Amino acid sequence: MSIALGALSVASFWVVGLGFLFGVAAVVCGAIATSRSAVVDDEAASLRALLGVVAGAAGITVSAIALLPMLAHL
């Protein structure tokens, strides 16, 4: 789930605020997934959760970079 939300956040960075919200949701889902005991024991699942967190953080970063010039013109 966090990988899908992270990918959506990167893909929708140009929509004002939507990419940022998807990115935050991806980071939260990935953080919750990494804290579960079933994921901690499974290396592949742990890497998928970490990938979701990284993709969400990338989406937040790209959305923030896209929003900063827009905020300057308000």
PDB file of N, CA and C in Angstrom:
ATOM      1  N   MET A   1       0.819  -1.185   0.000  1.00  0.00           N
ATOM      2  CA  MET A   1       0.000   0.000   0.000  1.00  0.00           C
ATOM      3  C   MET A   1       0.868   1.255   0.000  1.00  0.00           C
ATOM      4  N   SER A   2       1.941   1.241   0.779  1.00  0.00           N
ATOM      5  CA  SER A   2       2.780   2.434   0.858  1.00  0.00           C
ATOM      6  C   SER A   2       3.523   2.687  -0.453  1.00  0.00           C
ATOM      7  N   ILE A   3       3.878   1.634  -1.173  1.00  0.00           N
ATOM      8  CA  ILE A   3       4.546   1.826  -2.467  1.00  0.00           C
ATOM      9  C   ILE A   3       3.583   2.466  -3.463  1.00  0.00           C
ATOM     10  N   ALA A   4       2.345   2.015  -3.475  1.00  0.00           N
ATOM     11  CA  ALA A   4       1.355   2.581  -4.388  1.00  0.00           C
ATOM     12  C   ALA A   4       1.082   4.043  -4.057  1.00  0.00           C
ATOM     13  N   LEU A   5       0.947   4.355  -2.784  1.00  0.00           N
ATOM     14  CA  LEU A   5       0.716   5.739  -2.393  1.00  0.00           C
ATOM     15  C   LEU A   5       1.937   6.612  -2.702  1.00  0.00           C
ATOM     16  N   GLY A   6       3.125   6.064  -2.515  1.00  0.00           N
ATOM     17  CA  GLY A   6       4.337   6.803  -2.850  1.00  0.00           C
ATOM     18  C   GLY A   6       4.439   7.079  -4.340  1.00  0.00           C
ATOM     19  N   ALA A   7       4.095   6.087  -5.137  1.00  0.00           N
ATOM     20  CA  ALA A   7       4.118   6.290  -6.592  1.00  0.00           C
ATOM     21  C   ALA A   7       3.074   7.324  -7.009  1.00  0.00           C
ATOM     22  N   LEU A   8       1.904   7.279  -6.390  1.00  0.00           N
ATOM     23  CA  LEU A   8       0.880   8.282  -6.690  1.00  0.00           C
ATOM     24  C   LEU A   8       1.327   9.678  -6.276  1.00  0.00           C
ATOM     25  N   SER A   9       2.045   9.764  -5.171  1.00  0.00           N
ATOM     26  CA  SER A   9       2.497  11.081  -4.722  1.00  0.00           C
ATOM     27  C   SER A   9       3.514  11.677  -5.682  1.00  0.00           C
ATOM     28  N   VAL A  10       4.403  10.860  -6.208  1.00  0.00           N
ATOM     29  CA  VAL A  10       5.380  11.362  -7.174  1.00  0.00           C
ATOM     30  C   VAL A  10       4.690  11.715  -8.488  1.00  0.00           C
ATOM     31  N   ALA A  11       3.725  10.904  -8.888  1.00  0.00           N
ATOM     32  CA  ALA A  11       3.049  11.138 -10.159  1.00  0.00           C
ATOM     33  C   ALA A  11       2.103  12.341 -10.108  1.00  0.00           C
ATOM     34  N   SER A  12       1.576  12.656  -8.933  1.00  0.00           N
ATOM     35  CA  SER A  12       0.599  13.743  -8.842  1.00  0.00           C
ATOM     36  C   SER A  12       1.151  14.964  -8.120  1.00  0.00           C
ATOM     37  N   PHE A  13       2.443  15.195  -8.218  1.00  0.00           N
ATOM     38  CA  PHE A  13       3.039  16.340  -7.541  1.00  0.00           C
ATOM     39  C   PHE A  13       2.534  17.668  -8.083  1.00  0.00           C
ATOM     40  N   TRP A  14       2.096  17.689  -9.319  1.00  0.00           N
ATOM     41  CA  TRP A  14       1.676  18.925  -9.956  1.00  0.00           C
ATOM     42  C   TRP A  14       0.289  19.372  -9.520  1.00  0.00           C
ATOM     43  N   VAL A  15      -0.502  18.477  -8.924  1.00  0.00           N
ATOM     44  CA  VAL A  15      -1.814  18.846  -8.389  1.00  0.00           C
ATOM     45  C   VAL A  15      -1.580  19.453  -7.010  1.00  0.00           C
ATOM     46  N   VAL A  16      -2.068  20.648  -6.809  1.00  0.00           N
ATOM     47  CA  VAL A  16      -1.772  21.400  -5.589  1.00  0.00           C
ATOM     48  C   VAL A  16      -2.219  20.626  -4.353  1.00  0.00           C
ATOM     49  N   GLY A  17      -1.271  20.181  -3.555  1.00  0.00           N
ATOM     50  CA  GLY A  17      -1.535  19.515  -2.290  1.00  0.00           C
ATOM     51  C   GLY A  17      -1.780  18.022  -2.367  1.00  0.00           C
ATOM     52  N   LEU A  18      -2.211  17.509  -3.489  1.00  0.00           N
ATOM     53  CA  LEU A  18      -2.554  16.093  -3.578  1.00  0.00           C
ATOM     54  C   LEU A  18      -1.324  15.203  -3.483  1.00  0.00           C
ATOM     55  N   GLY A  19      -0.260  15.561  -4.160  1.00  0.00           N
ATOM     56  CA  GLY A  19       0.977  14.790  -4.080  1.00  0.00           C
ATOM     57  C   GLY A  19       1.537  14.787  -2.676  1.00  0.00           C
ATOM     58  N   PHE A  20       1.420  15.924  -1.991  1.00  0.00           N
ATOM     59  CA  PHE A  20       1.888  16.025  -0.612  1.00  0.00           C
ATOM     60  C   PHE A  20       1.084  15.097   0.301  1.00  0.00           C
ATOM     61  N   LEU A  21      -0.233  15.077   0.136  1.00  0.00           N
ATOM     62  CA  LEU A  21      -1.081  14.211   0.973  1.00  0.00           C
ATOM     63  C   LEU A  21      -0.804  12.727   0.710  1.00  0.00           C
ATOM     64  N   PHE A  22      -0.650  12.365  -0.559  1.00  0.00           N
ATOM     65  CA  PHE A  22      -0.297  10.979  -0.880  1.00  0.00           C
ATOM     66  C   PHE A  22       1.057  10.604  -0.289  1.00  0.00           C
ATOM     67  N   GLY A  23       1.988  11.528  -0.312  1.00  0.00           N
ATOM     68  CA  GLY A  23       3.312  11.271   0.253  1.00  0.00           C
ATOM     69  C   GLY A  23       3.266  11.048   1.750  1.00  0.00           C
ATOM     70  N   VAL A  24       2.498  11.872   2.444  1.00  0.00           N
ATOM     71  CA  VAL A  24       2.358  11.699   3.896  1.00  0.00           C
ATOM     72  C   VAL A  24       1.690  10.365   4.209  1.00  0.00           C
ATOM     73  N   ALA A  25       0.667  10.019   3.440  1.00  0.00           N
ATOM     74  CA  ALA A  25      -0.013   8.737   3.657  1.00  0.00           C
ATOM     75  C   ALA A  25       0.938   7.565   3.390  1.00  0.00           C
ATOM     76  N   ALA A  26       1.789   7.687   2.394  1.00  0.00           N
ATOM     77  CA  ALA A  26       2.752   6.622   2.088  1.00  0.00           C
ATOM     78  C   ALA A  26       3.764   6.460   3.212  1.00  0.00           C
ATOM     79  N   VAL A  27       4.240   7.566   3.756  1.00  0.00           N
ATOM     80  CA  VAL A  27       5.203   7.496   4.857  1.00  0.00           C
ATOM     81  C   VAL A  27       4.557   6.882   6.091  1.00  0.00           C
ATOM     82  N   VAL A  28       3.327   7.268   6.388  1.00  0.00           N
ATOM     83  CA  VAL A  28       2.632   6.717   7.552  1.00  0.00           C
ATOM     84  C   VAL A  28       2.378   5.220   7.375  1.00  0.00           C
ATOM     85  N   CYS A  29       1.891   4.813   6.206  1.00  0.00           N
ATOM     86  CA  CYS A  29       1.642   3.388   5.959  1.00  0.00           C
ATOM     87  C   CYS A  29       2.932   2.578   6.006  1.00  0.00           C
ATOM     88  N   GLY A  30       4.001   3.117   5.458  1.00  0.00           N
ATOM     89  CA  GLY A  30       5.280   2.425   5.495  1.00  0.00           C
ATOM     90  C   GLY A  30       5.833   2.308   6.901  1.00  0.00           C
ATOM     91  N   ALA A  31       5.659   3.359   7.700  1.00  0.00           N
ATOM     92  CA  ALA A  31       6.131   3.329   9.082  1.00  0.00           C
ATOM     93  C   ALA A  31       5.336   2.325   9.914  1.00  0.00           C
ATOM     94  N   ILE A  32       4.044   2.263   9.686  1.00  0.00           N
ATOM     95  CA  ILE A  32       3.217   1.282  10.389  1.00  0.00           C
ATOM     96  C   ILE A  32       3.605  -0.130   9.974  1.00  0.00           C
ATOM     97  N   ALA A  33       3.858  -0.310   8.684  1.00  0.00           N
ATOM     98  CA  ALA A  33       4.228  -1.637   8.186  1.00  0.00           C
ATOM     99  C   ALA A  33       5.566  -2.099   8.751  1.00  0.00           C
ATOM    100  N   THR A  34       6.522  -1.194   8.884  1.00  0.00           N
ATOM    101  CA  THR A  34       7.832  -1.602   9.394  1.00  0.00           C
ATOM    102  C   THR A  34       7.794  -1.945  10.874  1.00  0.00           C
ATOM    103  N   SER A  35       6.792  -1.462  11.593  1.00  0.00           N
ATOM    104  CA  SER A  35       6.715  -1.756  13.021  1.00  0.00           C
ATOM    105  C   SER A  35       6.032  -3.097  13.316  1.00  0.00           C
ATOM    106  N   ARG A  36       5.414  -3.696  12.339  1.00  0.00           N
ATOM    107  CA  ARG A  36       4.730  -4.982  12.562  1.00  0.00           C
ATOM    108  C   ARG A  36       5.747  -6.116  12.645  1.00  0.00           C
ATOM    109  N   SER A  37       5.482  -7.054  13.516  1.00  0.00           N
ATOM    110  CA  SER A  37       6.433  -8.149  13.745  1.00  0.00           C
ATOM    111  C   SER A  37       6.564  -9.064  12.527  1.00  0.00           C
ATOM    112  N   ALA A  38       5.491  -9.246  11.758  1.00  0.00           N
ATOM    113  CA  ALA A  38       5.558 -10.106  10.575  1.00  0.00           C
ATOM    114  C   ALA A  38       6.471  -9.495   9.514  1.00  0.00           C
ATOM    115  N   VAL A  39       6.504  -8.192   9.435  1.00  0.00           N
ATOM    116  CA  VAL A  39       7.343  -7.518   8.445  1.00  0.00           C
ATOM    117  C   VAL A  39       8.796  -7.499   8.908  1.00  0.00           C
ATOM    118  N   VAL A  40       9.008  -7.355  10.197  1.00  0.00           N
ATOM    119  CA  VAL A  40      10.373  -7.317  10.722  1.00  0.00           C
ATOM    120  C   VAL A  40      11.092  -8.628  10.445  1.00  0.00           C
ATOM    121  N   ASP A  41      10.384  -9.738  10.530  1.00  0.00           N
ATOM    122  CA  ASP A  41      10.982 -11.049  10.296  1.00  0.00           C
ATOM    123  C   ASP A  41      11.201 -11.361   8.821  1.00  0.00           C
ATOM    124  N   ASP A  42      10.471 -10.712   7.929  1.00  0.00           N
ATOM    125  CA  ASP A  42      10.554 -10.971   6.495  1.00  0.00           C
ATOM    126  C   ASP A  42      11.334  -9.837   5.821  1.00  0.00           C
ATOM    127  N   GLU A  43      12.498 -10.174   5.274  1.00  0.00           N
ATOM    128  CA  GLU A  43      13.362  -9.137   4.692  1.00  0.00           C
ATOM    129  C   GLU A  43      12.731  -8.483   3.469  1.00  0.00           C
ATOM    130  N   ALA A  44      12.062  -9.256   2.631  1.00  0.00           N
ATOM    131  CA  ALA A  44      11.446  -8.699   1.424  1.00  0.00           C
ATOM    132  C   ALA A  44      10.321  -7.728   1.788  1.00  0.00           C
ATOM    133  N   ALA A  45       9.509  -8.095   2.765  1.00  0.00           N
ATOM    134  CA  ALA A  45       8.428  -7.203   3.187  1.00  0.00           C
ATOM    135  C   ALA A  45       8.984  -5.945   3.838  1.00  0.00           C
ATOM    136  N   SER A  46      10.066  -6.094   4.570  1.00  0.00           N
ATOM    137  CA  SER A  46      10.700  -4.938   5.196  1.00  0.00           C
ATOM    138  C   SER A  46      11.245  -3.976   4.143  1.00  0.00           C
ATOM    139  N   LEU A  47      11.837  -4.512   3.097  1.00  0.00           N
ATOM    140  CA  LEU A  47      12.349  -3.664   2.015  1.00  0.00           C
ATOM    141  C   LEU A  47      11.215  -2.977   1.258  1.00  0.00           C
ATOM    142  N   ARG A  48      10.098  -3.665   1.068  1.00  0.00           N
ATOM    143  CA  ARG A  48       8.950  -3.045   0.412  1.00  0.00           C
ATOM    144  C   ARG A  48       8.398  -1.896   1.248  1.00  0.00           C
ATOM    145  N   ALA A  49       8.321  -2.084   2.557  1.00  0.00           N
ATOM    146  CA  ALA A  49       7.841  -1.012   3.434  1.00  0.00           C
ATOM    147  C   ALA A  49       8.801   0.177   3.403  1.00  0.00           C
ATOM    148  N   LEU A  50      10.085  -0.106   3.412  1.00  0.00           N
ATOM    149  CA  LEU A  50      11.078   0.967   3.346  1.00  0.00           C
ATOM    150  C   LEU A  50      11.009   1.688   2.005  1.00  0.00           C
ATOM    151  N   LEU A  51      10.785   0.957   0.926  1.00  0.00           N
ATOM    152  CA  LEU A  51      10.635   1.574  -0.389  1.00  0.00           C
ATOM    153  C   LEU A  51       9.426   2.505  -0.412  1.00  0.00           C
ATOM    154  N   GLY A  52       8.343   2.112   0.245  1.00  0.00           N
ATOM    155  CA  GLY A  52       7.165   2.976   0.342  1.00  0.00           C
ATOM    156  C   GLY A  52       7.458   4.255   1.101  1.00  0.00           C
ATOM    157  N   VAL A  53       8.234   4.154   2.167  1.00  0.00           N
ATOM    158  CA  VAL A  53       8.612   5.349   2.933  1.00  0.00           C
ATOM    159  C   VAL A  53       9.476   6.263   2.079  1.00  0.00           C
ATOM    160  N   VAL A  54      10.422   5.695   1.369  1.00  0.00           N
ATOM    161  CA  VAL A  54      11.313   6.501   0.510  1.00  0.00           C
ATOM    162  C   VAL A  54      10.528   7.142  -0.629  1.00  0.00           C
ATOM    163  N   ALA A  55       9.622   6.402  -1.238  1.00  0.00           N
ATOM    164  CA  ALA A  55       8.808   6.965  -2.322  1.00  0.00           C
ATOM    165  C   ALA A  55       7.900   8.074  -1.799  1.00  0.00           C
ATOM    166  N   GLY A  56       7.351   7.893  -0.614  1.00  0.00           N
ATOM    167  CA  GLY A  56       6.527   8.938  -0.015  1.00  0.00           C
ATOM    168  C   GLY A  56       7.335  10.179   0.300  1.00  0.00           C
ATOM    169  N   ALA A  57       8.539   9.990   0.824  1.00  0.00           N
ATOM    170  CA  ALA A  57       9.403  11.137   1.112  1.00  0.00           C
ATOM    171  C   ALA A  57       9.792  11.863  -0.172  1.00  0.00           C
ATOM    172  N   ALA A  58      10.020  11.114  -1.232  1.00  0.00           N
ATOM    173  CA  ALA A  58      10.330  11.731  -2.526  1.00  0.00           C
ATOM    174  C   ALA A  58       9.127  12.521  -3.038  1.00  0.00           C
ATOM    175  N   GLY A  59       7.939  11.971  -2.874  1.00  0.00           N
ATOM    176  CA  GLY A  59       6.729  12.675  -3.289  1.00  0.00           C
ATOM    177  C   GLY A  59       6.506  13.954  -2.506  1.00  0.00           C
ATOM    178  N   ILE A  60       6.784  13.913  -1.203  1.00  0.00           N
ATOM    179  CA  ILE A  60       6.664  15.110  -0.374  1.00  0.00           C
ATOM    180  C   ILE A  60       7.666  16.159  -0.829  1.00  0.00           C
ATOM    181  N   THR A  61       8.889  15.735  -1.086  1.00  0.00           N
ATOM    182  CA  THR A  61       9.933  16.666  -1.512  1.00  0.00           C
ATOM    183  C   THR A  61       9.600  17.308  -2.857  1.00  0.00           C
ATOM    184  N   VAL A  62       9.205  16.493  -3.816  1.00  0.00           N
ATOM    185  CA  VAL A  62       8.889  17.023  -5.150  1.00  0.00           C
ATOM    186  C   VAL A  62       7.670  17.943  -5.074  1.00  0.00           C
ATOM    187  N   SER A  63       6.675  17.579  -4.273  1.00  0.00           N
ATOM    188  CA  SER A  63       5.490  18.425  -4.137  1.00  0.00           C
ATOM    189  C   SER A  63       5.839  19.750  -3.475  1.00  0.00           C
ATOM    190  N   ALA A  64       6.705  19.709  -2.470  1.00  0.00           N
ATOM    191  CA  ALA A  64       7.101  20.948  -1.804  1.00  0.00           C
ATOM    192  C   ALA A  64       7.877  21.850  -2.759  1.00  0.00           C
ATOM    193  N   ILE A  65       8.743  21.268  -3.566  1.00  0.00           N
ATOM    194  CA  ILE A  65       9.497  22.060  -4.537  1.00  0.00           C
ATOM    195  C   ILE A  65       8.549  22.670  -5.572  1.00  0.00           C
ATOM    196  N   ALA A  66       7.514  21.939  -5.960  1.00  0.00           N
ATOM    197  CA  ALA A  66       6.555  22.456  -6.940  1.00  0.00           C
ATOM    198  C   ALA A  66       5.639  23.508  -6.318  1.00  0.00           C
ATOM    199  N   LEU A  67       5.358  23.403  -5.020  1.00  0.00           N
ATOM    200  CA  LEU A  67       4.444  24.342  -4.376  1.00  0.00           C
ATOM    201  C   LEU A  67       5.104  25.663  -3.999  1.00  0.00           C
ATOM    202  N   LEU A  68       6.401  25.662  -3.725  1.00  0.00           N
ATOM    203  CA  LEU A  68       7.068  26.879  -3.282  1.00  0.00           C
ATOM    204  C   LEU A  68       6.944  28.041  -4.279  1.00  0.00           C
ATOM    205  N   PRO A  69       7.171  27.836  -5.568  1.00  0.00           N
ATOM    206  CA  PRO A  69       6.993  28.959  -6.499  1.00  0.00           C
ATOM    207  C   PRO A  69       5.538  29.432  -6.585  1.00  0.00           C
ATOM    208  N   MET A  70       4.599  28.518  -6.418  1.00  0.00           N
ATOM    209  CA  MET A  70       3.194  28.899  -6.459  1.00  0.00           C
ATOM    210  C   MET A  70       2.816  29.772  -5.269  1.00  0.00           C
ATOM    211  N   LEU A  71       3.366  29.439  -4.102  1.00  0.00           N
ATOM    212  CA  LEU A  71       3.067  30.217  -2.902  1.00  0.00           C
ATOM    213  C   LEU A  71       3.643  31.621  -2.964  1.00  0.00           C
ATOM    214  N   ALA A  72       4.735  31.781  -3.679  1.00  0.00           N
ATOM    215  CA  ALA A  72       5.345  33.094  -3.808  1.00  0.00           C
ATOM    216  C   ALA A  72       4.471  34.053  -4.624  1.00  0.00           C
ATOM    217  N   HIS A  73       3.633  33.528  -5.474  1.00  0.00           N
ATOM    218  CA  HIS A  73       2.775  34.365  -6.327  1.00  0.00           C
ATOM    219  C   HIS A  73       1.400  34.604  -5.739  1.00  0.00           C
ATOM    220  N   LEU A  74       1.139  34.124  -4.545  1.00  0.00           N
ATOM    221  CA  LEU A  74      -0.176  34.347  -3.943  1.00  0.00           C
ATOM    222  C   LEU A  74      -0.256  35.657  -3.289  1.00  0.00           C
TER     223      LEU A  74
END
